[in-house]
């Protein structure tokens, strides 16, 4: 920052630090006419109000048209920035916890309530980064890593079944994690062929038999246009298929957001309620037990 800009910022900060300035900026955002009612609402004297307006105009934050004052473009951005700062300062405890999390992320866990609060303050897209995977194998590897961290629940709707994912889900289920799985009924013949090939491996047979007979694991089937997973009501994974060929994988997204997870959980419940028993899984179990 050069000396000229630094001086401009210093002058601006001096104006903004004056008593009543924030309240005046709020009035200016609506269009301000100086009258007795305005003075009463702001709790300031006419002379003080005019002095602050003069400073705001000199610093390019205010435009005067006739007897009405309004925010300039710069004033609009400064006012919104001040509002965001005020929101942050009103959440000092959350900021303290976030700082602890950032300084010691291995030992400190951000709660869902804190994440939702932060998402409401600064916006979902500005907090937790979204990881993007353009190849299937990287996505599966990341998915397995996320499943291994599950403590309470896994809700998953999938167009695919991968042996390594099933293995990770079995380990999670044995830890007491509740698992709900929705398979895609659209290509059932192809899926049946793949499942039967899957259980031709003796190790996979054991995994399938154990996983789908556990009481805390349930599976249904219906049309699944794209795969998604919700882990512990905060971690999310979403598959985006090719538009021209819905059987093909385009890319996958992974993020942590209890706000989005909550919305997706509602969707999952609706899909699950309308899904039916998966006859392909049943056939696969029969094959395993034979």
Foldseek 3Di string as FASTA:
>chain_A
DDPVVVVLVVLVVVLCPDPLLLVVLVCQQVKDADDPVVCVVSVHDPVVVVVSVVSCVVSQQWDDDDRIIHGDPVVVVVSVVVVLVVLCVVPVVLVVLVVVCVVCVVPHDDDQVSLQSVCVRPNPPPDKDKDKFFDDVVLVVVLLVLLLPFQAEKEKEAQDDDLSNLQSVLVSVVNVHQYEYEYAPPPLVVRLVVLLVQVVDPVSLVSLLSQDVDPSYYYFYYHDQWIKMQGPLFKIKTWDADPVDSVHTGMMIITGHSVVSVVVVVVSVVVVVPTHHDVSSVVSNVVSVD
